[in-house]
């Protein structure tokens, strides 16, 4: 099992920006598809963005054009740059390895990082 440590969340006003980071354990980071997910209160966890081992990216419809996922294989780290934040982006954000075709997460969840966007 790979373990994840997310950071970078906080309280921000609508229209603001945050950059989340996630450090993954293990030596096979560079071959894994990585995803960012989020869970808002009372809602199911949803996929936000994924990045393949070849740096191909995909985004949920609600964040397209506002969020950017990237990775640094030398640091075993995946990032999520979030711009033009909206109150509906408020959630706990998690990262995970995921299946490269189905994007289903593969490992146990970390603690996540809380993002709160005020109106």
N, C-alpha and C. Protein backbone atom coordinates (compact mmCIF):
# COMPACT_ATOMS: atom_id res chain seq x y z
N UNK A 1 0.83 -1.20 0.00
CA UNK A 1 0.00 0.00 0.00
C UNK A 1 0.86 1.24 0.00
N UNK A 2 0.48 2.17 -0.84
CA UNK A 2 1.14 3.47 -0.88
C UNK A 2 0.43 4.39 0.12
N UNK A 3 1.18 5.24 0.77
CA UNK A 3 0.61 6.22 1.70
C UNK A 3 0.75 7.62 1.14
N UNK A 4 -0.17 8.49 1.52
CA UNK A 4 -0.23 9.83 0.96
C UNK A 4 -0.33 10.87 2.07
N UNK A 5 0.37 11.98 1.88
CA UNK A 5 0.28 13.11 2.79
C UNK A 5 -0.06 14.35 1.98
N UNK A 6 -1.28 14.85 2.20
CA UNK A 6 -1.76 16.03 1.47
C UNK A 6 -1.53 17.29 2.32
N UNK A 7 -1.30 18.40 1.65
CA UNK A 7 -1.11 19.68 2.34
C UNK A 7 -1.47 20.82 1.40
N UNK A 8 -1.55 22.02 1.97
CA UNK A 8 -1.77 23.21 1.17
C UNK A 8 -3.16 23.79 1.23
N UNK A 9 -4.07 23.12 1.92
CA UNK A 9 -5.42 23.64 2.02
C UNK A 9 -5.49 24.86 2.93
N UNK A 10 -6.68 25.44 3.00
CA UNK A 10 -6.87 26.61 3.85
C UNK A 10 -8.18 27.30 3.54
N UNK A 11 -8.32 28.49 4.12
CA UNK A 11 -9.50 29.32 3.91
C UNK A 11 -9.16 30.41 2.91
N UNK A 12 -9.97 30.55 1.89
CA UNK A 12 -9.72 31.53 0.84
C UNK A 12 -11.05 32.12 0.39
N UNK A 13 -11.00 33.36 -0.06
CA UNK A 13 -12.20 33.99 -0.58
C UNK A 13 -12.48 33.51 -1.99
N UNK A 14 -13.74 33.57 -2.37
CA UNK A 14 -14.12 33.22 -3.74
C UNK A 14 -13.29 34.04 -4.73
N UNK A 15 -12.85 33.37 -5.79
CA UNK A 15 -11.98 34.01 -6.76
C UNK A 15 -10.50 33.84 -6.49
N UNK A 16 -10.19 33.36 -5.31
CA UNK A 16 -8.79 33.18 -4.93
C UNK A 16 -8.20 31.88 -5.44
N UNK A 17 -6.95 31.63 -5.03
CA UNK A 17 -6.21 30.47 -5.50
C UNK A 17 -5.55 29.73 -4.34
N UNK A 18 -5.35 28.44 -4.52
CA UNK A 18 -4.59 27.61 -3.61
C UNK A 18 -3.82 26.58 -4.44
N UNK A 19 -2.71 26.12 -3.88
CA UNK A 19 -1.95 25.04 -4.51
C UNK A 19 -1.80 23.91 -3.50
N UNK A 20 -2.38 22.77 -3.83
CA UNK A 20 -2.30 21.60 -2.98
C UNK A 20 -1.13 20.72 -3.41
N UNK A 21 -0.54 20.05 -2.42
CA UNK A 21 0.54 19.10 -2.67
C UNK A 21 0.20 17.77 -2.04
N UNK A 22 0.70 16.71 -2.64
CA UNK A 22 0.51 15.37 -2.10
C UNK A 22 1.80 14.59 -2.32
N UNK A 23 2.40 14.14 -1.23
CA UNK A 23 3.60 13.32 -1.29
C UNK A 23 3.21 11.87 -1.10
N UNK A 24 3.67 11.02 -2.00
CA UNK A 24 3.35 9.59 -1.94
C UNK A 24 4.59 8.80 -1.54
N UNK A 25 4.36 7.74 -0.76
CA UNK A 25 5.46 6.86 -0.37
C UNK A 25 5.75 5.87 -1.49
N UNK A 26 6.88 5.18 -1.40
CA UNK A 26 7.17 4.12 -2.35
C UNK A 26 8.05 4.57 -3.48
N UNK A 27 8.55 3.59 -4.23
CA UNK A 27 9.53 3.85 -5.28
C UNK A 27 8.97 3.78 -6.68
N UNK A 28 7.67 3.52 -6.80
CA UNK A 28 7.11 3.34 -8.14
C UNK A 28 6.20 4.50 -8.54
N UNK A 29 6.39 5.65 -7.90
CA UNK A 29 5.49 6.79 -8.14
C UNK A 29 5.40 7.12 -9.62
N UNK A 30 6.54 7.12 -10.31
CA UNK A 30 6.56 7.64 -11.67
C UNK A 30 5.75 6.81 -12.65
N UNK A 31 5.45 5.57 -12.32
CA UNK A 31 4.69 4.73 -13.25
C UNK A 31 3.19 4.74 -12.95
N UNK A 32 2.81 5.44 -11.90
CA UNK A 32 1.41 5.41 -11.48
C UNK A 32 0.61 6.58 -12.04
N UNK A 33 -0.65 6.30 -12.36
CA UNK A 33 -1.62 7.37 -12.59
C UNK A 33 -2.06 7.88 -11.23
N UNK A 34 -2.05 9.18 -11.08
CA UNK A 34 -2.40 9.81 -9.80
C UNK A 34 -3.64 10.67 -9.96
N UNK A 35 -4.45 10.69 -8.92
CA UNK A 35 -5.67 11.47 -8.97
C UNK A 35 -5.87 12.32 -7.73
N UNK A 36 -6.55 13.43 -7.91
CA UNK A 36 -7.06 14.24 -6.80
C UNK A 36 -8.57 14.01 -6.73
N UNK A 37 -9.06 13.84 -5.52
CA UNK A 37 -10.47 13.62 -5.26
C UNK A 37 -10.89 14.60 -4.17
N UNK A 38 -12.19 14.82 -4.04
CA UNK A 38 -12.67 15.68 -2.98
C UNK A 38 -14.00 15.16 -2.44
N UNK A 39 -14.24 15.50 -1.18
CA UNK A 39 -15.49 15.12 -0.55
C UNK A 39 -16.03 16.30 0.24
N UNK A 40 -17.17 16.77 -0.18
CA UNK A 40 -17.85 17.86 0.52
C UNK A 40 -18.78 17.26 1.57
N UNK A 41 -19.13 18.03 2.59
CA UNK A 41 -20.02 17.51 3.64
C UNK A 41 -21.33 16.99 3.06
N UNK A 42 -21.69 15.77 3.45
CA UNK A 42 -22.94 15.19 3.02
C UNK A 42 -22.95 14.68 1.59
N UNK A 43 -21.79 14.70 0.93
CA UNK A 43 -21.73 14.27 -0.45
C UNK A 43 -20.73 13.13 -0.61
N UNK A 44 -20.86 12.41 -1.71
CA UNK A 44 -19.91 11.35 -2.01
C UNK A 44 -18.59 11.94 -2.51
N UNK A 45 -17.53 11.18 -2.31
CA UNK A 45 -16.24 11.59 -2.83
C UNK A 45 -16.29 11.59 -4.35
N UNK A 46 -15.69 12.60 -4.95
CA UNK A 46 -15.72 12.69 -6.41
C UNK A 46 -14.31 12.95 -6.96
N UNK A 47 -14.12 12.51 -8.19
CA UNK A 47 -12.85 12.72 -8.87
C UNK A 47 -12.75 14.18 -9.32
N UNK A 48 -11.59 14.77 -9.07
CA UNK A 48 -11.35 16.15 -9.49
C UNK A 48 -10.46 16.19 -10.73
N UNK A 49 -9.34 15.46 -10.67
CA UNK A 49 -8.38 15.50 -11.78
C UNK A 49 -7.48 14.27 -11.69
N UNK A 50 -6.98 13.84 -12.84
CA UNK A 50 -6.02 12.75 -12.88
C UNK A 50 -4.88 13.12 -13.81
N UNK A 51 -3.72 12.49 -13.55
CA UNK A 51 -2.56 12.67 -14.42
C UNK A 51 -1.89 11.32 -14.58
N UNK A 52 -1.64 10.95 -15.82
CA UNK A 52 -1.04 9.65 -16.10
C UNK A 52 0.46 9.70 -15.94
N UNK A 53 1.10 8.55 -16.07
CA UNK A 53 2.56 8.49 -16.00
C UNK A 53 3.17 9.27 -17.16
N UNK A 54 2.42 9.45 -18.23
CA UNK A 54 2.90 10.22 -19.37
C UNK A 54 2.41 11.65 -19.39
N UNK A 55 1.93 12.11 -18.24
CA UNK A 55 1.49 13.49 -18.05
C UNK A 55 0.23 13.86 -18.84
N UNK A 56 -0.56 12.88 -19.20
CA UNK A 56 -1.87 13.16 -19.80
C UNK A 56 -2.83 13.48 -18.66
N UNK A 57 -3.57 14.57 -18.80
CA UNK A 57 -4.44 15.02 -17.72
C UNK A 57 -5.91 14.97 -18.13
N UNK A 58 -6.76 14.76 -17.13
CA UNK A 58 -8.21 14.82 -17.31
C UNK A 58 -8.81 15.48 -16.08
N UNK A 59 -9.94 16.16 -16.28
CA UNK A 59 -10.56 16.94 -15.21
C UNK A 59 -12.05 16.69 -15.13
N UNK A 60 -12.58 16.81 -13.90
CA UNK A 60 -14.01 16.83 -13.75
C UNK A 60 -14.60 18.07 -14.40
N UNK A 61 -15.83 17.96 -14.86
CA UNK A 61 -16.45 19.07 -15.59
C UNK A 61 -16.50 20.35 -14.75
N UNK A 62 -16.69 20.21 -13.45
CA UNK A 62 -16.88 21.39 -12.61
C UNK A 62 -15.59 22.18 -12.38
N UNK A 63 -14.44 21.59 -12.71
CA UNK A 63 -13.18 22.29 -12.45
C UNK A 63 -12.39 22.58 -13.72
N UNK A 64 -12.86 22.13 -14.85
CA UNK A 64 -12.14 22.36 -16.11
C UNK A 64 -11.92 23.85 -16.35
N UNK A 65 -10.69 24.18 -16.73
CA UNK A 65 -10.35 25.57 -16.98
C UNK A 65 -9.97 26.35 -15.75
N UNK A 66 -10.16 25.76 -14.57
CA UNK A 66 -9.81 26.46 -13.32
C UNK A 66 -8.70 25.76 -12.55
N UNK A 67 -8.69 24.42 -12.60
CA UNK A 67 -7.71 23.64 -11.85
C UNK A 67 -6.69 23.02 -12.81
N UNK A 68 -5.46 22.84 -12.32
CA UNK A 68 -4.41 22.20 -13.10
C UNK A 68 -3.68 21.19 -12.23
N UNK A 69 -3.61 19.95 -12.70
CA UNK A 69 -2.88 18.91 -12.00
C UNK A 69 -1.50 18.76 -12.65
N UNK A 70 -0.50 18.52 -11.81
CA UNK A 70 0.86 18.31 -12.32
C UNK A 70 1.58 17.37 -11.37
N UNK A 71 2.77 16.94 -11.76
CA UNK A 71 3.50 16.00 -10.93
C UNK A 71 5.00 16.26 -11.04
N UNK A 72 5.71 15.89 -9.98
CA UNK A 72 7.17 15.94 -9.95
C UNK A 72 7.64 14.57 -9.49
N UNK A 73 8.06 13.75 -10.44
CA UNK A 73 8.42 12.37 -10.10
C UNK A 73 9.66 12.30 -9.20
N UNK A 74 10.55 13.27 -9.33
CA UNK A 74 11.74 13.27 -8.48
C UNK A 74 11.40 13.48 -7.01
N UNK A 75 10.25 14.10 -6.75
CA UNK A 75 9.83 14.37 -5.38
C UNK A 75 8.65 13.51 -4.95
N UNK A 76 8.25 12.55 -5.79
CA UNK A 76 7.08 11.71 -5.48
C UNK A 76 5.87 12.57 -5.10
N UNK A 77 5.68 13.66 -5.82
CA UNK A 77 4.65 14.64 -5.44
C UNK A 77 3.74 14.95 -6.62
N UNK A 78 2.46 15.07 -6.30
CA UNK A 78 1.47 15.52 -7.27
C UNK A 78 0.85 16.80 -6.73
N UNK A 79 0.60 17.75 -7.62
CA UNK A 79 0.09 19.06 -7.23
C UNK A 79 -1.29 19.30 -7.84
N UNK A 80 -2.02 20.20 -7.20
CA UNK A 80 -3.28 20.67 -7.76
C UNK A 80 -3.32 22.18 -7.59
N UNK A 81 -3.15 22.89 -8.69
CA UNK A 81 -3.28 24.35 -8.68
C UNK A 81 -4.74 24.69 -8.90
N UNK A 82 -5.32 25.42 -7.95
CA UNK A 82 -6.73 25.75 -8.01
C UNK A 82 -6.89 27.25 -8.11
N UNK A 83 -7.45 27.70 -9.20
CA UNK A 83 -7.69 29.13 -9.43
C UNK A 83 -9.18 29.40 -9.53
N UNK A 84 -9.55 30.66 -9.41
CA UNK A 84 -10.96 31.07 -9.53
C UNK A 84 -11.86 30.21 -8.64
N UNK A 85 -11.45 30.04 -7.41
CA UNK A 85 -12.18 29.16 -6.51
C UNK A 85 -13.58 29.67 -6.23
N UNK A 86 -14.49 28.71 -6.06
CA UNK A 86 -15.89 29.00 -5.80
C UNK A 86 -16.29 28.36 -4.46
N UNK A 87 -17.33 28.88 -3.81
CA UNK A 87 -17.78 28.25 -2.56
C UNK A 87 -18.08 26.76 -2.72
N UNK A 88 -18.55 26.36 -3.88
CA UNK A 88 -18.86 24.94 -4.09
C UNK A 88 -17.62 24.06 -4.21
N UNK A 89 -16.44 24.65 -4.24
CA UNK A 89 -15.20 23.88 -4.20
C UNK A 89 -14.82 23.49 -2.77
N UNK A 90 -15.55 23.99 -1.80
CA UNK A 90 -15.28 23.66 -0.41
C UNK A 90 -15.42 22.15 -0.18
N UNK A 91 -14.36 21.53 0.33
CA UNK A 91 -14.33 20.09 0.52
C UNK A 91 -13.00 19.70 1.15
N UNK A 92 -12.92 18.44 1.56
CA UNK A 92 -11.63 17.86 1.91
C UNK A 92 -11.07 17.22 0.63
N UNK A 93 -9.83 17.55 0.33
CA UNK A 93 -9.19 17.08 -0.90
C UNK A 93 -8.19 15.97 -0.57
N UNK A 94 -8.22 14.92 -1.35
CA UNK A 94 -7.37 13.76 -1.17
C UNK A 94 -6.68 13.42 -2.48
N UNK A 95 -5.52 12.77 -2.37
CA UNK A 95 -4.92 12.20 -3.56
C UNK A 95 -4.82 10.69 -3.39
N UNK A 96 -4.62 9.99 -4.50
CA UNK A 96 -4.51 8.54 -4.47
C UNK A 96 -3.94 8.07 -5.80
N UNK A 97 -3.35 6.89 -5.79
CA UNK A 97 -3.10 6.20 -7.05
C UNK A 97 -4.44 5.80 -7.61
N UNK A 98 -4.53 5.68 -8.91
CA UNK A 98 -5.79 5.20 -9.47
C UNK A 98 -5.54 4.34 -10.70
N UNK A 99 -6.51 3.53 -11.01
CA UNK A 99 -6.46 2.71 -12.21
C UNK A 99 -6.36 3.62 -13.42
N UNK A 100 -5.46 3.31 -14.31
CA UNK A 100 -5.17 4.22 -15.42
C UNK A 100 -6.30 4.29 -16.45
N UNK A 101 -7.24 3.33 -16.36
CA UNK A 101 -8.36 3.34 -17.32
C UNK A 101 -9.65 3.79 -16.64
N UNK A 102 -9.92 3.22 -15.46
CA UNK A 102 -11.20 3.51 -14.79
C UNK A 102 -11.10 4.68 -13.81
N UNK A 103 -9.87 5.03 -13.42
CA UNK A 103 -9.58 6.09 -12.44
C UNK A 103 -10.12 5.75 -11.06
N UNK A 104 -10.44 4.50 -10.82
CA UNK A 104 -10.86 4.07 -9.49
C UNK A 104 -9.64 4.09 -8.56
N UNK A 105 -9.75 4.69 -7.37
CA UNK A 105 -8.60 4.74 -6.46
C UNK A 105 -8.19 3.37 -5.97
N UNK A 106 -6.88 3.20 -5.71
CA UNK A 106 -6.32 1.89 -5.43
C UNK A 106 -5.88 1.69 -3.98
N UNK A 107 -5.62 2.74 -3.25
CA UNK A 107 -5.05 2.61 -1.92
C UNK A 107 -5.94 3.25 -0.86
N UNK A 108 -5.55 3.04 0.39
CA UNK A 108 -6.26 3.68 1.49
C UNK A 108 -6.07 5.19 1.41
N UNK A 109 -7.00 5.91 1.95
CA UNK A 109 -6.96 7.37 1.90
C UNK A 109 -6.06 7.94 2.99
N UNK A 110 -5.43 9.06 2.67
CA UNK A 110 -4.72 9.82 3.68
C UNK A 110 -5.70 10.69 4.44
N UNK A 111 -5.16 11.65 5.20
CA UNK A 111 -6.02 12.52 6.00
C UNK A 111 -6.69 13.59 5.14
N UNK A 112 -6.13 13.87 4.01
CA UNK A 112 -6.68 14.92 3.18
C UNK A 112 -6.30 16.31 3.67
N UNK A 113 -6.70 17.31 2.92
CA UNK A 113 -6.46 18.69 3.31
C UNK A 113 -7.74 19.48 3.04
N UNK A 114 -8.15 20.26 4.05
CA UNK A 114 -9.42 20.98 3.97
C UNK A 114 -9.26 22.26 3.16
N UNK A 115 -10.17 22.44 2.21
CA UNK A 115 -10.25 23.69 1.45
C UNK A 115 -11.61 24.31 1.72
N UNK A 116 -11.60 25.54 2.18
CA UNK A 116 -12.83 26.26 2.47
C UNK A 116 -12.83 27.56 1.67
N UNK A 117 -13.86 27.75 0.86
CA UNK A 117 -13.96 28.95 0.03
C UNK A 117 -15.16 29.76 0.51
N UNK A 118 -14.88 30.97 0.96
CA UNK A 118 -15.95 31.83 1.47
C UNK A 118 -16.48 32.72 0.35
N UNK A 119 -17.76 33.04 0.46
CA UNK A 119 -18.40 33.87 -0.58
C UNK A 119 -18.28 35.35 -0.26
